[in-house]
């Protein structure tokens, strides 16, 4: 099994829709750290699991310096939902996404 990990840094804003009062309902931003894990039993014709540049384009290119609510649509942009959205965007080779929105707050989605 081959595994690659791509680390991304994204600056972006969001605001959450919650069932309780929270300061996170206000527009705010983070310097997100995202780790994408992709796996394959065999490498593609280029000798890769997935091109690191394709991961960067698909995720960093779409989220950096953006308002995440506008990108995710009807999905509440929690770190958990963002992790799953990223995995879904990258497809079945993406087996794990770690989203860190601040020093002590991390969400992980694994297939």
PDB file of N, CA and C in Angstrom:
ATOM      1  N   UNK A   1       0.852  -1.180   0.000  1.00  0.00           N
ATOM      2  CA  UNK A   1       0.000   0.000   0.000  1.00  0.00           C
ATOM      3  C   UNK A   1       0.895   1.239   0.000  1.00  0.00           C
ATOM      4  N   UNK A   2       0.593   2.165  -0.890  1.00  0.00           N
ATOM      5  CA  UNK A   2       1.304   3.433  -0.955  1.00  0.00           C
ATOM      6  C   UNK A   2       0.448   4.510  -0.287  1.00  0.00           C
ATOM      7  N   UNK A   3       1.079   5.375   0.483  1.00  0.00           N
ATOM      8  CA  UNK A   3       0.390   6.490   1.132  1.00  0.00           C
ATOM      9  C   UNK A   3       1.152   7.776   0.869  1.00  0.00           C
ATOM     10  N   UNK A   4       0.442   8.823   0.506  1.00  0.00           N
ATOM     11  CA  UNK A   4       1.021  10.152   0.415  1.00  0.00           C
ATOM     12  C   UNK A   4       0.230  11.084   1.327  1.00  0.00           C
ATOM     13  N   UNK A   5       0.930  12.093   1.830  1.00  0.00           N
ATOM     14  CA  UNK A   5       0.307  13.082   2.712  1.00  0.00           C
ATOM     15  C   UNK A   5       0.640  14.466   2.163  1.00  0.00           C
ATOM     16  N   UNK A   6      -0.378  15.273   1.982  1.00  0.00           N
ATOM     17  CA  UNK A   6      -0.199  16.652   1.527  1.00  0.00           C
ATOM     18  C   UNK A   6      -0.659  17.589   2.631  1.00  0.00           C
ATOM     19  N   UNK A   7       0.216  18.505   3.040  1.00  0.00           N
ATOM     20  CA  UNK A   7      -0.127  19.513   4.043  1.00  0.00           C
ATOM     21  C   UNK A   7      -0.436  20.820   3.332  1.00  0.00           C
ATOM     22  N   UNK A   8      -1.562  21.427   3.705  1.00  0.00           N
ATOM     23  CA  UNK A   8      -1.998  22.689   3.124  1.00  0.00           C
ATOM     24  C   UNK A   8      -2.238  23.703   4.231  1.00  0.00           C
ATOM     25  N   UNK A   9      -1.939  24.949   3.975  1.00  0.00           N
ATOM     26  CA  UNK A   9      -2.308  26.048   4.864  1.00  0.00           C
ATOM     27  C   UNK A   9      -3.280  26.930   4.117  1.00  0.00           C
ATOM     28  N   UNK A  10      -4.407  27.196   4.747  1.00  0.00           N
ATOM     29  CA  UNK A  10      -5.468  27.962   4.111  1.00  0.00           C
ATOM     30  C   UNK A  10      -5.925  29.055   5.063  1.00  0.00           C
ATOM     31  N   UNK A  11      -6.002  30.262   4.578  1.00  0.00           N
ATOM     32  CA  UNK A  11      -6.606  31.366   5.325  1.00  0.00           C
ATOM     33  C   UNK A  11      -7.995  31.578   4.752  1.00  0.00           C
ATOM     34  N   UNK A  12      -9.003  31.438   5.600  1.00  0.00           N
ATOM     35  CA  UNK A  12     -10.377  31.558   5.108  1.00  0.00           C
ATOM     36  C   UNK A  12     -11.316  31.905   6.253  1.00  0.00           C
ATOM     37  N   UNK A  13     -12.449  32.489   5.883  1.00  0.00           N
ATOM     38  CA  UNK A  13     -13.472  32.831   6.870  1.00  0.00           C
ATOM     39  C   UNK A  13     -14.622  31.831   6.796  1.00  0.00           C
ATOM     40  N   UNK A  14     -15.401  31.825   7.864  1.00  0.00           N
ATOM     41  CA  UNK A  14     -16.648  31.055   7.889  1.00  0.00           C
ATOM     42  C   UNK A  14     -17.499  31.573   9.027  1.00  0.00           C
ATOM     43  N   UNK A  15     -18.736  31.160   9.054  1.00  0.00           N
ATOM     44  CA  UNK A  15     -19.603  31.387  10.200  1.00  0.00           C
ATOM     45  C   UNK A  15     -20.521  30.189  10.303  1.00  0.00           C
ATOM     46  N   UNK A  16     -20.694  29.743  11.531  1.00  0.00           N
ATOM     47  CA  UNK A  16     -21.453  28.516  11.771  1.00  0.00           C
ATOM     48  C   UNK A  16     -22.907  28.815  12.067  1.00  0.00           C
ATOM     49  N   UNK A  17     -23.760  27.896  11.722  1.00  0.00           N
ATOM     50  CA  UNK A  17     -25.174  27.928  12.077  1.00  0.00           C
ATOM     51  C   UNK A  17     -25.362  26.857  13.139  1.00  0.00           C
ATOM     52  N   UNK A  18     -25.638  27.295  14.368  1.00  0.00           N
ATOM     53  CA  UNK A  18     -25.682  26.367  15.505  1.00  0.00           C
ATOM     54  C   UNK A  18     -27.042  26.401  16.196  1.00  0.00           C
ATOM     55  N   UNK A  19     -27.330  25.352  16.948  1.00  0.00           N
ATOM     56  CA  UNK A  19     -28.600  25.267  17.683  1.00  0.00           C
ATOM     57  C   UNK A  19     -28.490  25.925  19.053  1.00  0.00           C
ATOM     58  N   UNK A  20     -27.382  26.584  19.333  1.00  0.00           N
ATOM     59  CA  UNK A  20     -27.157  27.282  20.601  1.00  0.00           C
ATOM     60  C   UNK A  20     -26.372  28.560  20.294  1.00  0.00           C
ATOM     61  N   UNK A  21     -26.368  29.485  21.235  1.00  0.00           N
ATOM     62  CA  UNK A  21     -25.656  30.745  21.035  1.00  0.00           C
ATOM     63  C   UNK A  21     -24.154  30.517  21.162  1.00  0.00           C
ATOM     64  N   UNK A  22     -23.422  31.061  20.223  1.00  0.00           N
ATOM     65  CA  UNK A  22     -21.971  30.912  20.220  1.00  0.00           C
ATOM     66  C   UNK A  22     -21.349  32.055  19.435  1.00  0.00           C
ATOM     67  N   UNK A  23     -20.161  32.466  19.845  1.00  0.00           N
ATOM     68  CA  UNK A  23     -19.454  33.503  19.088  1.00  0.00           C
ATOM     69  C   UNK A  23     -19.092  33.008  17.688  1.00  0.00           C
ATOM     70  N   UNK A  24     -19.083  31.693  17.483  1.00  0.00           N
ATOM     71  CA  UNK A  24     -18.751  31.133  16.172  1.00  0.00           C
ATOM     72  C   UNK A  24     -19.858  31.341  15.137  1.00  0.00           C
ATOM     73  N   UNK A  25     -21.015  31.837  15.593  1.00  0.00           N
ATOM     74  CA  UNK A  25     -22.069  32.202  14.643  1.00  0.00           C
ATOM     75  C   UNK A  25     -21.727  33.503  13.927  1.00  0.00           C
ATOM     76  N   UNK A  26     -20.788  34.257  14.487  1.00  0.00           N
ATOM     77  CA  UNK A  26     -20.325  35.496  13.859  1.00  0.00           C
ATOM     78  C   UNK A  26     -19.293  35.172  12.784  1.00  0.00           C
ATOM     79  N   UNK A  27     -19.215  36.020  11.784  1.00  0.00           N
ATOM     80  CA  UNK A  27     -18.207  35.888  10.751  1.00  0.00           C
ATOM     81  C   UNK A  27     -16.822  35.987  11.400  1.00  0.00           C
ATOM     82  N   UNK A  28     -15.971  34.992  11.120  1.00  0.00           N
ATOM     83  CA  UNK A  28     -14.610  34.977  11.654  1.00  0.00           C
ATOM     84  C   UNK A  28     -13.737  34.113  10.748  1.00  0.00           C
ATOM     85  N   UNK A  29     -12.447  34.169  10.961  1.00  0.00           N
ATOM     86  CA  UNK A  29     -11.543  33.415  10.104  1.00  0.00           C
ATOM     87  C   UNK A  29     -10.518  32.626  10.877  1.00  0.00           C
ATOM     88  N   UNK A  30      -9.858  31.739  10.174  1.00  0.00           N
ATOM     89  CA  UNK A  30      -8.801  30.902  10.737  1.00  0.00           C
ATOM     90  C   UNK A  30      -7.681  30.766   9.714  1.00  0.00           C
ATOM     91  N   UNK A  31      -6.524  30.432  10.216  1.00  0.00           N
ATOM     92  CA  UNK A  31      -5.429  29.958   9.372  1.00  0.00           C
ATOM     93  C   UNK A  31      -5.430  28.443   9.545  1.00  0.00           C
ATOM     94  N   UNK A  32      -6.164  27.776   8.684  1.00  0.00           N
ATOM     95  CA  UNK A  32      -6.392  26.345   8.756  1.00  0.00           C
ATOM     96  C   UNK A  32      -5.135  25.592   8.330  1.00  0.00           C
ATOM     97  N   UNK A  33      -4.854  24.487   9.020  1.00  0.00           N
ATOM     98  CA  UNK A  33      -3.824  23.539   8.600  1.00  0.00           C
ATOM     99  C   UNK A  33      -4.563  22.252   8.238  1.00  0.00           C
ATOM    100  N   UNK A  34      -4.364  21.782   7.039  1.00  0.00           N
ATOM    101  CA  UNK A  34      -5.082  20.603   6.547  1.00  0.00           C
ATOM    102  C   UNK A  34      -4.071  19.575   6.071  1.00  0.00           C
ATOM    103  N   UNK A  35      -4.247  18.329   6.538  1.00  0.00           N
ATOM    104  CA  UNK A  35      -3.434  17.212   6.063  1.00  0.00           C
ATOM    105  C   UNK A  35      -4.354  16.261   5.309  1.00  0.00           C
ATOM    106  N   UNK A  36      -3.988  15.975   4.072  1.00  0.00           N
ATOM    107  CA  UNK A  36      -4.745  15.062   3.222  1.00  0.00           C
ATOM    108  C   UNK A  36      -3.929  13.779   3.067  1.00  0.00           C
ATOM    109  N   UNK A  37      -4.546  12.640   3.356  1.00  0.00           N
ATOM    110  CA  UNK A  37      -3.914  11.328   3.222  1.00  0.00           C
ATOM    111  C   UNK A  37      -4.576  10.591   2.069  1.00  0.00           C
ATOM    112  N   UNK A  38      -3.771  10.159   1.119  1.00  0.00           N
ATOM    113  CA  UNK A  38      -4.298   9.389  -0.016  1.00  0.00           C
ATOM    114  C   UNK A  38      -3.532   8.073  -0.111  1.00  0.00           C
ATOM    115  N   UNK A  39      -4.235   7.020  -0.510  1.00  0.00           N
ATOM    116  CA  UNK A  39      -3.624   5.694  -0.604  1.00  0.00           C
ATOM    117  C   UNK A  39      -4.023   5.008  -1.902  1.00  0.00           C
ATOM    118  N   UNK A  40      -3.125   4.115  -2.330  1.00  0.00           N
ATOM    119  CA  UNK A  40      -3.410   3.266  -3.487  1.00  0.00           C
ATOM    120  C   UNK A  40      -2.585   1.991  -3.372  1.00  0.00           C
ATOM    121  N   UNK A  41      -3.175   0.900  -3.789  1.00  0.00           N
ATOM    122  CA  UNK A  41      -2.455  -0.382  -3.825  1.00  0.00           C
ATOM    123  C   UNK A  41      -1.350  -0.338  -4.874  1.00  0.00           C
ATOM    124  N   UNK A  42      -1.644   0.330  -5.988  1.00  0.00           N
ATOM    125  CA  UNK A  42      -0.683   0.429  -7.080  1.00  0.00           C
ATOM    126  C   UNK A  42      -0.582   1.882  -7.520  1.00  0.00           C
ATOM    127  N   UNK A  43       0.571   2.250  -7.999  1.00  0.00           N
ATOM    128  CA  UNK A  43       0.782   3.603  -8.495  1.00  0.00           C
ATOM    129  C   UNK A  43       0.186   3.755  -9.889  1.00  0.00           C
ATOM    130  N   UNK A  44      -0.171   4.991 -10.240  1.00  0.00           N
ATOM    131  CA  UNK A  44      -0.721   5.235 -11.573  1.00  0.00           C
ATOM    132  C   UNK A  44       0.392   5.207 -12.617  1.00  0.00           C
ATOM    133  N   UNK A  45       0.058   5.501 -13.861  1.00  0.00           N
ATOM    134  CA  UNK A  45       1.018   5.429 -14.958  1.00  0.00           C
ATOM    135  C   UNK A  45       2.175   6.419 -14.803  1.00  0.00           C
ATOM    136  N   UNK A  46       2.015   7.395 -13.892  1.00  0.00           N
ATOM    137  CA  UNK A  46       3.066   8.378 -13.629  1.00  0.00           C
ATOM    138  C   UNK A  46       3.909   8.024 -12.405  1.00  0.00           C
ATOM    139  N   UNK A  47       3.593   6.895 -11.785  1.00  0.00           N
ATOM    140  CA  UNK A  47       4.319   6.491 -10.582  1.00  0.00           C
ATOM    141  C   UNK A  47       3.853   7.210  -9.331  1.00  0.00           C
ATOM    142  N   UNK A  48       2.579   7.626  -9.314  1.00  0.00           N
ATOM    143  CA  UNK A  48       2.031   8.385  -8.191  1.00  0.00           C
ATOM    144  C   UNK A  48       0.754   7.758  -7.653  1.00  0.00           C
ATOM    145  N   UNK A  49       0.480   8.034  -6.368  1.00  0.00           N
ATOM    146  CA  UNK A  49      -0.843   7.764  -5.806  1.00  0.00           C
ATOM    147  C   UNK A  49      -1.795   8.824  -6.348  1.00  0.00           C
ATOM    148  N   UNK A  50      -1.406  10.076  -6.167  1.00  0.00           N
ATOM    149  CA  UNK A  50      -2.134  11.237  -6.682  1.00  0.00           C
ATOM    150  C   UNK A  50      -1.119  12.367  -6.741  1.00  0.00           C
ATOM    151  N   UNK A  51      -1.233  13.213  -7.712  1.00  0.00           N
ATOM    152  CA  UNK A  51      -0.306  14.333  -7.864  1.00  0.00           C
ATOM    153  C   UNK A  51      -0.552  15.350  -6.745  1.00  0.00           C
ATOM    154  N   UNK A  52       0.507  15.715  -6.016  1.00  0.00           N
ATOM    155  CA  UNK A  52       0.379  16.704  -4.943  1.00  0.00           C
ATOM    156  C   UNK A  52      -0.214  18.008  -5.476  1.00  0.00           C
ATOM    157  N   UNK A  53       0.154  18.366  -6.695  1.00  0.00           N
ATOM    158  CA  UNK A  53      -0.372  19.585  -7.304  1.00  0.00           C
ATOM    159  C   UNK A  53      -1.868  19.538  -7.524  1.00  0.00           C
ATOM    160  N   UNK A  54      -2.397  18.355  -7.840  1.00  0.00           N
ATOM    161  CA  UNK A  54      -3.843  18.215  -8.022  1.00  0.00           C
ATOM    162  C   UNK A  54      -4.579  18.413  -6.701  1.00  0.00           C
ATOM    163  N   UNK A  55      -3.993  17.913  -5.612  1.00  0.00           N
ATOM    164  CA  UNK A  55      -4.601  18.132  -4.294  1.00  0.00           C
ATOM    165  C   UNK A  55      -4.617  19.621  -3.985  1.00  0.00           C
ATOM    166  N   UNK A  56      -3.481  20.285  -4.198  1.00  0.00           N
ATOM    167  CA  UNK A  56      -3.394  21.717  -3.900  1.00  0.00           C
ATOM    168  C   UNK A  56      -4.399  22.511  -4.726  1.00  0.00           C
ATOM    169  N   UNK A  57      -4.495  22.212  -5.998  1.00  0.00           N
ATOM    170  CA  UNK A  57      -5.419  22.925  -6.879  1.00  0.00           C
ATOM    171  C   UNK A  57      -6.870  22.702  -6.452  1.00  0.00           C
ATOM    172  N   UNK A  58      -7.213  21.453  -6.144  1.00  0.00           N
ATOM    173  CA  UNK A  58      -8.597  21.112  -5.806  1.00  0.00           C
ATOM    174  C   UNK A  58      -9.041  21.690  -4.472  1.00  0.00           C
ATOM    175  N   UNK A  59      -8.133  21.805  -3.520  1.00  0.00           N
ATOM    176  CA  UNK A  59      -8.515  22.239  -2.174  1.00  0.00           C
ATOM    177  C   UNK A  59      -8.022  23.649  -1.878  1.00  0.00           C
ATOM    178  N   UNK A  60      -6.727  23.855  -1.894  1.00  0.00           N
ATOM    179  CA  UNK A  60      -6.173  25.183  -1.610  1.00  0.00           C
ATOM    180  C   UNK A  60      -6.708  26.206  -2.610  1.00  0.00           C
ATOM    181  N   UNK A  61      -6.717  25.834  -3.860  1.00  0.00           N
ATOM    182  CA  UNK A  61      -7.182  26.739  -4.903  1.00  0.00           C
ATOM    183  C   UNK A  61      -8.631  27.162  -4.744  1.00  0.00           C
ATOM    184  N   UNK A  62      -9.422  26.330  -4.127  1.00  0.00           N
ATOM    185  CA  UNK A  62     -10.856  26.635  -3.968  1.00  0.00           C
ATOM    186  C   UNK A  62     -11.183  27.292  -2.639  1.00  0.00           C
ATOM    187  N   UNK A  63     -10.366  27.051  -1.591  1.00  0.00           N
ATOM    188  CA  UNK A  63     -10.723  27.537  -0.258  1.00  0.00           C
ATOM    189  C   UNK A  63      -9.897  28.725   0.239  1.00  0.00           C
ATOM    190  N   UNK A  64      -8.649  28.844  -0.218  1.00  0.00           N
ATOM    191  CA  UNK A  64      -7.774  29.875   0.340  1.00  0.00           C
ATOM    192  C   UNK A  64      -8.278  31.281   0.032  1.00  0.00           C
ATOM    193  N   UNK A  65      -8.320  32.099   1.077  1.00  0.00           N
ATOM    194  CA  UNK A  65      -8.779  33.485   0.998  1.00  0.00           C
ATOM    195  C   UNK A  65     -10.207  33.595   0.460  1.00  0.00           C
ATOM    196  N   UNK A  66     -11.014  32.650   0.887  1.00  0.00           N
ATOM    197  CA  UNK A  66     -12.431  32.627   0.505  1.00  0.00           C
ATOM    198  C   UNK A  66     -13.289  32.563   1.773  1.00  0.00           C
ATOM    199  N   UNK A  67     -14.599  32.786   1.578  1.00  0.00           N
ATOM    200  CA  UNK A  67     -15.590  32.575   2.637  1.00  0.00           C
ATOM    201  C   UNK A  67     -16.123  31.164   2.436  1.00  0.00           C
ATOM    202  N   UNK A  68     -15.766  30.268   3.331  1.00  0.00           N
ATOM    203  CA  UNK A  68     -16.034  28.840   3.144  1.00  0.00           C
ATOM    204  C   UNK A  68     -17.528  28.547   3.000  1.00  0.00           C
ATOM    205  N   UNK A  69     -18.373  29.311   3.664  1.00  0.00           N
ATOM    206  CA  UNK A  69     -19.813  29.109   3.525  1.00  0.00           C
ATOM    207  C   UNK A  69     -20.234  29.176   2.060  1.00  0.00           C
ATOM    208  N   UNK A  70     -19.604  30.055   1.294  1.00  0.00           N
ATOM    209  CA  UNK A  70     -19.953  30.203  -0.119  1.00  0.00           C
ATOM    210  C   UNK A  70     -19.496  29.008  -0.955  1.00  0.00           C
ATOM    211  N   UNK A  71     -18.476  28.313  -0.510  1.00  0.00           N
ATOM    212  CA  UNK A  71     -17.947  27.174  -1.257  1.00  0.00           C
ATOM    213  C   UNK A  71     -18.723  25.900  -0.926  1.00  0.00           C
ATOM    214  N   UNK A  72     -18.998  25.664   0.364  1.00  0.00           N
ATOM    215  CA  UNK A  72     -19.656  24.435   0.793  1.00  0.00           C
ATOM    216  C   UNK A  72     -21.168  24.462   0.604  1.00  0.00           C
ATOM    217  N   UNK A  73     -21.731  25.612   0.286  1.00  0.00           N
ATOM    218  CA  UNK A  73     -23.173  25.700   0.033  1.00  0.00           C
ATOM    219  C   UNK A  73     -23.995  25.472   1.283  1.00  0.00           C
ATOM    220  N   UNK A  74     -24.854  24.470   1.259  1.00  0.00           N
ATOM    221  CA  UNK A  74     -25.767  24.197   2.374  1.00  0.00           C
ATOM    222  C   UNK A  74     -25.113  23.435   3.526  1.00  0.00           C
ATOM    223  N   UNK A  75     -23.859  23.090   3.406  1.00  0.00           N
ATOM    224  CA  UNK A  75     -23.169  22.347   4.462  1.00  0.00           C
ATOM    225  C   UNK A  75     -22.670  23.333   5.516  1.00  0.00           C
ATOM    226  N   UNK A  76     -23.025  23.111   6.775  1.00  0.00           N
ATOM    227  CA  UNK A  76     -22.532  23.953   7.871  1.00  0.00           C
ATOM    228  C   UNK A  76     -21.012  23.770   7.957  1.00  0.00           C
ATOM    229  N   UNK A  77     -20.210  24.826   7.786  1.00  0.00           N
ATOM    230  CA  UNK A  77     -18.764  24.666   7.623  1.00  0.00           C
ATOM    231  C   UNK A  77     -17.987  24.461   8.933  1.00  0.00           C
ATOM    232  N   UNK A  78     -18.393  23.450   9.680  1.00  0.00           N
ATOM    233  CA  UNK A  78     -17.608  23.049  10.844  1.00  0.00           C
ATOM    234  C   UNK A  78     -16.326  22.370  10.351  1.00  0.00           C
ATOM    235  N   UNK A  79     -15.351  22.246  11.220  1.00  0.00           N
ATOM    236  CA  UNK A  79     -14.113  21.555  10.840  1.00  0.00           C
ATOM    237  C   UNK A  79     -14.409  20.115  10.435  1.00  0.00           C
ATOM    238  N   UNK A  80     -15.354  19.476  11.121  1.00  0.00           N
ATOM    239  CA  UNK A  80     -15.728  18.100  10.798  1.00  0.00           C
ATOM    240  C   UNK A  80     -16.314  18.002   9.395  1.00  0.00           C
ATOM    241  N   UNK A  81     -17.258  18.895   9.091  1.00  0.00           N
ATOM    242  CA  UNK A  81     -17.870  18.887   7.762  1.00  0.00           C
ATOM    243  C   UNK A  81     -16.873  19.257   6.675  1.00  0.00           C
ATOM    244  N   UNK A  82     -15.957  20.155   6.985  1.00  0.00           N
ATOM    245  CA  UNK A  82     -14.931  20.507   6.001  1.00  0.00           C
ATOM    246  C   UNK A  82     -14.047  19.307   5.686  1.00  0.00           C
ATOM    247  N   UNK A  83     -13.685  18.543   6.710  1.00  0.00           N
ATOM    248  CA  UNK A  83     -12.836  17.364   6.496  1.00  0.00           C
ATOM    249  C   UNK A  83     -13.520  16.372   5.560  1.00  0.00           C
ATOM    250  N   UNK A  84     -14.794  16.126   5.786  1.00  0.00           N
ATOM    251  CA  UNK A  84     -15.525  15.190   4.916  1.00  0.00           C
ATOM    252  C   UNK A  84     -15.676  15.757   3.512  1.00  0.00           C
ATOM    253  N   UNK A  85     -15.979  17.037   3.390  1.00  0.00           N
ATOM    254  CA  UNK A  85     -16.122  17.675   2.084  1.00  0.00           C
ATOM    255  C   UNK A  85     -14.830  17.555   1.278  1.00  0.00           C
ATOM    256  N   UNK A  86     -13.699  17.795   1.928  1.00  0.00           N
ATOM    257  CA  UNK A  86     -12.406  17.691   1.252  1.00  0.00           C
ATOM    258  C   UNK A  86     -12.188  16.267   0.750  1.00  0.00           C
ATOM    259  N   UNK A  87     -12.443  15.281   1.610  1.00  0.00           N
ATOM    260  CA  UNK A  87     -12.285  13.878   1.205  1.00  0.00           C
ATOM    261  C   UNK A  87     -13.186  13.551   0.022  1.00  0.00           C
ATOM    262  N   UNK A  88     -14.421  14.005   0.067  1.00  0.00           N
ATOM    263  CA  UNK A  88     -15.358  13.743  -1.029  1.00  0.00           C
ATOM    264  C   UNK A  88     -14.904  14.415  -2.326  1.00  0.00           C
ATOM    265  N   UNK A  89     -14.366  15.612  -2.235  1.00  0.00           N
ATOM    266  CA  UNK A  89     -13.884  16.326  -3.412  1.00  0.00           C
ATOM    267  C   UNK A  89     -12.723  15.589  -4.072  1.00  0.00           C
ATOM    268  N   UNK A  90     -11.879  14.958  -3.261  1.00  0.00           N
ATOM    269  CA  UNK A  90     -10.689  14.293  -3.791  1.00  0.00           C
ATOM    270  C   UNK A  90     -10.943  12.870  -4.262  1.00  0.00           C
ATOM    271  N   UNK A  91     -12.036  12.275  -3.838  1.00  0.00           N
ATOM    272  CA  UNK A  91     -12.378  10.943  -4.317  1.00  0.00           C
ATOM    273  C   UNK A  91     -11.876   9.817  -3.437  1.00  0.00           C
ATOM    274  N   UNK A  92     -12.050   8.594  -3.927  1.00  0.00           N
ATOM    275  CA  UNK A  92     -11.844   7.388  -3.121  1.00  0.00           C
ATOM    276  C   UNK A  92     -10.401   7.172  -2.672  1.00  0.00           C
ATOM    277  N   UNK A  93      -9.425   7.724  -3.381  1.00  0.00           N
ATOM    278  CA  UNK A  93      -8.039   7.564  -2.946  1.00  0.00           C
ATOM    279  C   UNK A  93      -7.753   8.329  -1.660  1.00  0.00           C
ATOM    280  N   UNK A  94      -8.559   9.355  -1.390  1.00  0.00           N
ATOM    281  CA  UNK A  94      -8.395  10.134  -0.160  1.00  0.00           C
ATOM    282  C   UNK A  94      -9.036   9.356   0.983  1.00  0.00           C
ATOM    283  N   UNK A  95      -8.202   8.888   1.904  1.00  0.00           N
ATOM    284  CA  UNK A  95      -8.693   8.021   2.973  1.00  0.00           C
ATOM    285  C   UNK A  95      -8.807   8.717   4.321  1.00  0.00           C
ATOM    286  N   UNK A  96      -8.175   9.893   4.436  1.00  0.00           N
ATOM    287  CA  UNK A  96      -8.195  10.596   5.722  1.00  0.00           C
ATOM    288  C   UNK A  96      -7.895  12.068   5.483  1.00  0.00           C
ATOM    289  N   UNK A  97      -8.618  12.923   6.214  1.00  0.00           N
ATOM    290  CA  UNK A  97      -8.353  14.359   6.183  1.00  0.00           C
ATOM    291  C   UNK A  97      -8.349  14.873   7.614  1.00  0.00           C
ATOM    292  N   UNK A  98      -7.312  15.620   7.950  1.00  0.00           N
ATOM    293  CA  UNK A  98      -7.191  16.249   9.259  1.00  0.00           C
ATOM    294  C   UNK A  98      -7.305  17.753   9.051  1.00  0.00           C
ATOM    295  N   UNK A  99      -8.261  18.374   9.728  1.00  0.00           N
ATOM    296  CA  UNK A  99      -8.473  19.813   9.621  1.00  0.00           C
ATOM    297  C   UNK A  99      -8.222  20.435  10.988  1.00  0.00           C
ATOM    298  N   UNK A 100      -7.241  21.304  11.060  1.00  0.00           N
ATOM    299  CA  UNK A 100      -6.918  22.018  12.295  1.00  0.00           C
ATOM    300  C   UNK A 100      -7.290  23.479  12.085  1.00  0.00           C
ATOM    301  N   UNK A 101      -8.289  23.944  12.855  1.00  0.00           N
ATOM    302  CA  UNK A 101      -8.722  25.326  12.680  1.00  0.00           C
ATOM    303  C   UNK A 101      -8.027  26.274  13.636  1.00  0.00           C
ATOM    304  N   UNK A 102      -7.453  25.758  14.693  1.00  0.00           N
ATOM    305  CA  UNK A 102      -6.655  26.552  15.629  1.00  0.00           C
ATOM    306  C   UNK A 102      -5.728  25.599  16.377  1.00  0.00           C
ATOM    307  N   UNK A 103      -4.860  26.146  17.196  1.00  0.00           N
ATOM    308  CA  UNK A 103      -3.835  25.333  17.867  1.00  0.00           C
ATOM    309  C   UNK A 103      -4.418  24.105  18.572  1.00  0.00           C
ATOM    310  N   UNK A 104      -5.544  24.236  19.231  1.00  0.00           N
ATOM    311  CA  UNK A 104      -6.073  23.123  20.004  1.00  0.00           C
ATOM    312  C   UNK A 104      -7.310  22.460  19.449  1.00  0.00           C
ATOM    313  N   UNK A 105      -7.737  22.835  18.239  1.00  0.00           N
ATOM    314  CA  UNK A 105      -8.987  22.312  17.686  1.00  0.00           C
ATOM    315  C   UNK A 105      -8.746  21.600  16.363  1.00  0.00           C
ATOM    316  N   UNK A 106      -8.931  20.275  16.386  1.00  0.00           N
ATOM    317  CA  UNK A 106      -8.659  19.441  15.229  1.00  0.00           C
ATOM    318  C   UNK A 106      -9.831  18.500  14.990  1.00  0.00           C
ATOM    319  N   UNK A 107     -10.208  18.346  13.723  1.00  0.00           N
ATOM    320  CA  UNK A 107     -11.242  17.375  13.340  1.00  0.00           C
ATOM    321  C   UNK A 107     -10.634  16.427  12.311  1.00  0.00           C
ATOM    322  N   UNK A 108     -11.030  15.152  12.392  1.00  0.00           N
ATOM    323  CA  UNK A 108     -10.505  14.133  11.493  1.00  0.00           C
ATOM    324  C   UNK A 108     -11.670  13.382  10.864  1.00  0.00           C
ATOM    325  N   UNK A 109     -11.574  13.195   9.535  1.00  0.00           N
ATOM    326  CA  UNK A 109     -12.523  12.330   8.829  1.00  0.00           C
ATOM    327  C   UNK A 109     -11.721  11.212   8.190  1.00  0.00           C
ATOM    328  N   UNK A 110     -12.173   9.976   8.429  1.00  0.00           N
ATOM    329  CA  UNK A 110     -11.531   8.806   7.824  1.00  0.00           C
ATOM    330  C   UNK A 110     -12.574   7.952   7.142  1.00  0.00           C
ATOM    331  N   UNK A 111     -12.213   7.420   5.970  1.00  0.00           N
ATOM    332  CA  UNK A 111     -13.098   6.504   5.263  1.00  0.00           C
ATOM    333  C   UNK A 111     -12.957   5.117   5.850  1.00  0.00           C
TER     334      UNK A 111
END
